[in-house]
Amino acid sequence: MAGEAEAPRRAYGAPPRATHAPPRPRLEPVDREKTCPLLLRVFTKIGSHHFNEDFAVRGKEPRDEVQIYTWKDATLRELTDLVKEVAPEARRRNAKLSFALVYPDRHGRFVLREVGKTFSFGNRRLDDSLALGELGFQIGDYLDVAII
């Protein structure tokens, strides 16, 4: 009709964007009695994360490694408690742990992607309930933990 303004069209008929993030898909819990755990190589560092270059040469990863047998449904809270058992700095009352996945990109270079943070003592909930599988973890990835 003449005189009426036409509503602006969306490119390619795209649906309107949601105003809030969609809920995360929940990971199916693993039957830990029947499922074999995976080996998770965890590298800890005080103050900050390691650099990508620290993982560049296979066999020459950082020395501060902890090997943990766990499952893909393990939460960052569970991993925080395991790191606290071996890293005295993580037991400080005000310690904050920052988790990053370390994995090779399509060119074979290792990249570090921060995925969550927890407090040493779970009185303040940050990303405590996030599971490895929800974070995009794949078997063979490393976990880098900065103790801040």
Protein backbone atom coordinates (compact mmCIF):
# COMPACT_ATOMS: atom_id res chain seq x y z
CA MET A 1 0.00 0.00 0.00
CA ALA A 2 1.17 3.45 -0.80
CA GLY A 3 2.23 5.62 2.09
CA GLU A 4 2.92 2.76 4.53
CA ALA A 5 6.50 2.14 5.50
CA GLU A 6 7.66 -1.36 4.81
CA ALA A 7 9.25 -3.26 7.70
CA PRO A 8 12.99 -3.69 7.16
CA ARG A 9 13.87 -7.14 5.86
CA ARG A 10 16.37 -9.34 7.59
CA ALA A 11 19.27 -10.61 5.54
CA TYR A 12 18.54 -14.07 4.14
CA GLY A 13 15.34 -14.34 6.17
CA ALA A 14 17.28 -14.84 9.42
CA PRO A 15 15.14 -15.17 12.54
CA PRO A 16 15.33 -12.36 15.10
CA ARG A 17 18.12 -12.70 17.62
CA ALA A 18 17.29 -13.82 21.12
CA THR A 19 17.75 -11.24 23.82
CA HIS A 20 19.28 -13.82 26.15
CA ALA A 21 21.61 -16.74 25.68
CA PRO A 22 19.97 -20.11 25.11
CA PRO A 23 20.38 -22.60 27.94
CA ARG A 24 23.50 -24.77 27.77
CA PRO A 25 22.81 -28.32 26.71
CA ARG A 26 23.35 -30.52 29.72
CA LEU A 27 25.90 -33.26 29.38
CA GLU A 28 24.62 -36.75 30.00
CA PRO A 29 26.14 -38.02 33.25
CA VAL A 30 28.72 -40.75 32.87
CA ASP A 31 28.30 -44.03 34.73
CA ARG A 32 31.65 -43.87 36.49
CA GLU A 33 31.36 -47.50 37.59
CA LYS A 34 31.15 -48.77 34.01
CA THR A 35 33.05 -46.12 32.03
CA CYS A 36 36.84 -46.08 31.88
CA PRO A 37 38.30 -42.71 32.94
CA LEU A 38 40.46 -40.59 30.64
CA LEU A 39 43.92 -39.23 31.42
CA LEU A 40 43.85 -35.46 31.80
CA ARG A 41 47.20 -33.69 31.75
CA VAL A 42 46.89 -30.59 33.94
CA PHE A 43 49.55 -27.87 33.99
CA THR A 44 49.50 -25.38 36.87
CA LYS A 45 51.17 -21.99 37.10
CA ILE A 46 51.06 -19.30 39.75
CA GLY A 47 49.97 -15.84 38.62
CA SER A 48 48.98 -16.49 35.01
CA HIS A 49 48.43 -19.09 32.34
CA HIS A 50 51.32 -20.62 30.41
CA PHE A 51 52.07 -19.27 26.95
CA ASN A 52 51.11 -21.11 23.76
CA GLU A 53 54.82 -21.53 23.01
CA ASP A 54 55.29 -23.53 26.23
CA PHE A 55 53.38 -26.38 24.55
CA ALA A 56 54.97 -26.05 21.08
CA VAL A 57 57.36 -29.00 21.34
CA ARG A 58 55.89 -32.40 22.17
CA GLY A 59 57.72 -33.89 25.15
CA LYS A 60 58.89 -30.47 26.36
CA GLU A 61 55.66 -29.32 27.98
CA PRO A 62 55.90 -27.31 31.23
CA ARG A 63 57.27 -29.26 34.19
CA ASP A 64 54.50 -28.44 36.64
CA GLU A 65 52.23 -31.21 35.42
CA VAL A 66 49.64 -33.19 37.31
CA GLN A 67 48.07 -36.24 35.71
CA ILE A 68 44.47 -36.85 36.69
CA TYR A 69 42.22 -39.74 35.72
CA THR A 70 38.72 -38.37 35.32
CA TRP A 71 35.61 -38.33 33.12
CA LYS A 72 34.16 -35.79 30.69
CA ASP A 73 31.38 -34.99 33.16
CA ALA A 74 33.89 -33.84 35.82
CA THR A 75 33.09 -30.28 36.93
CA LEU A 76 35.53 -27.44 37.46
CA ARG A 77 34.74 -27.73 41.21
CA GLU A 78 35.91 -31.38 41.20
CA LEU A 79 39.07 -30.40 39.31
CA THR A 80 39.67 -27.49 41.69
CA ASP A 81 39.58 -29.86 44.65
CA LEU A 82 42.03 -32.23 42.92
CA VAL A 83 44.43 -29.39 42.08
CA LYS A 84 44.28 -28.23 45.72
CA GLU A 85 45.57 -31.65 46.81
CA VAL A 86 48.83 -31.20 44.89
CA ALA A 87 49.34 -27.41 44.72
CA PRO A 88 49.65 -25.73 48.13
CA GLU A 89 49.19 -22.27 46.55
CA ALA A 90 45.68 -23.31 45.45
CA ARG A 91 44.71 -23.94 49.09
CA ARG A 92 44.92 -20.26 50.02
CA ARG A 93 41.58 -18.95 51.25
CA ASN A 94 41.44 -16.22 48.58
CA ALA A 95 42.95 -18.24 45.72
CA LYS A 96 41.17 -18.10 42.38
CA LEU A 97 41.76 -20.74 39.71
CA SER A 98 41.43 -19.93 36.03
CA PHE A 99 41.01 -22.90 33.68
CA ALA A 100 42.03 -22.98 30.01
CA LEU A 101 41.89 -25.74 27.44
CA VAL A 102 45.07 -26.30 25.45
CA TYR A 103 44.64 -27.99 22.07
CA PRO A 104 46.16 -27.92 18.59
CA ASP A 105 44.53 -25.70 15.98
CA ARG A 106 44.09 -26.89 12.39
CA HIS A 107 47.70 -25.87 11.63
CA GLY A 108 49.09 -27.97 14.48
CA ARG A 109 49.97 -25.02 16.74
CA PHE A 110 48.73 -25.19 20.31
CA VAL A 111 46.22 -22.59 21.39
CA LEU A 112 45.01 -21.74 24.87
CA ARG A 113 41.32 -20.91 25.40
CA GLU A 114 40.14 -19.78 28.81
CA VAL A 115 36.97 -21.66 29.78
CA GLY A 116 36.14 -20.86 33.40
CA LYS A 117 37.13 -19.69 36.86
CA THR A 118 36.57 -20.99 40.37
CA PHE A 119 37.46 -19.90 43.87
CA SER A 120 39.59 -22.23 45.98
CA PHE A 121 36.80 -22.48 48.51
CA GLY A 122 33.43 -22.91 46.86
CA ASN A 123 31.58 -20.30 48.89
CA ARG A 124 31.28 -18.05 45.82
CA ARG A 125 29.99 -19.83 42.73
CA LEU A 126 31.61 -18.81 39.48
CA ASP A 127 31.87 -21.65 36.98
CA ASP A 128 31.92 -24.47 39.55
CA SER A 129 29.21 -26.53 37.87
CA LEU A 130 30.64 -26.47 34.33
CA ALA A 131 31.70 -29.93 33.12
CA LEU A 132 34.64 -30.64 30.82
CA GLY A 133 32.33 -31.95 28.12
CA GLU A 134 30.25 -28.75 28.20
CA LEU A 135 33.38 -26.67 27.69
CA GLY A 136 34.31 -28.35 24.41
CA PHE A 137 36.96 -30.61 25.93
CA GLN A 138 38.11 -33.46 23.71
CA ILE A 139 40.20 -36.42 24.78
CA GLY A 140 43.84 -35.47 24.24
CA ASP A 141 43.41 -31.80 25.18
CA TYR A 142 45.45 -30.42 28.07
CA LEU A 143 44.12 -28.28 30.90
CA ASP A 144 46.10 -25.22 31.98
CA VAL A 145 45.29 -23.86 35.44
CA ALA A 146 46.42 -20.41 36.55
CA ILE A 147 46.43 -20.00 40.33
CA ILE A 148 45.74 -16.33 41.00
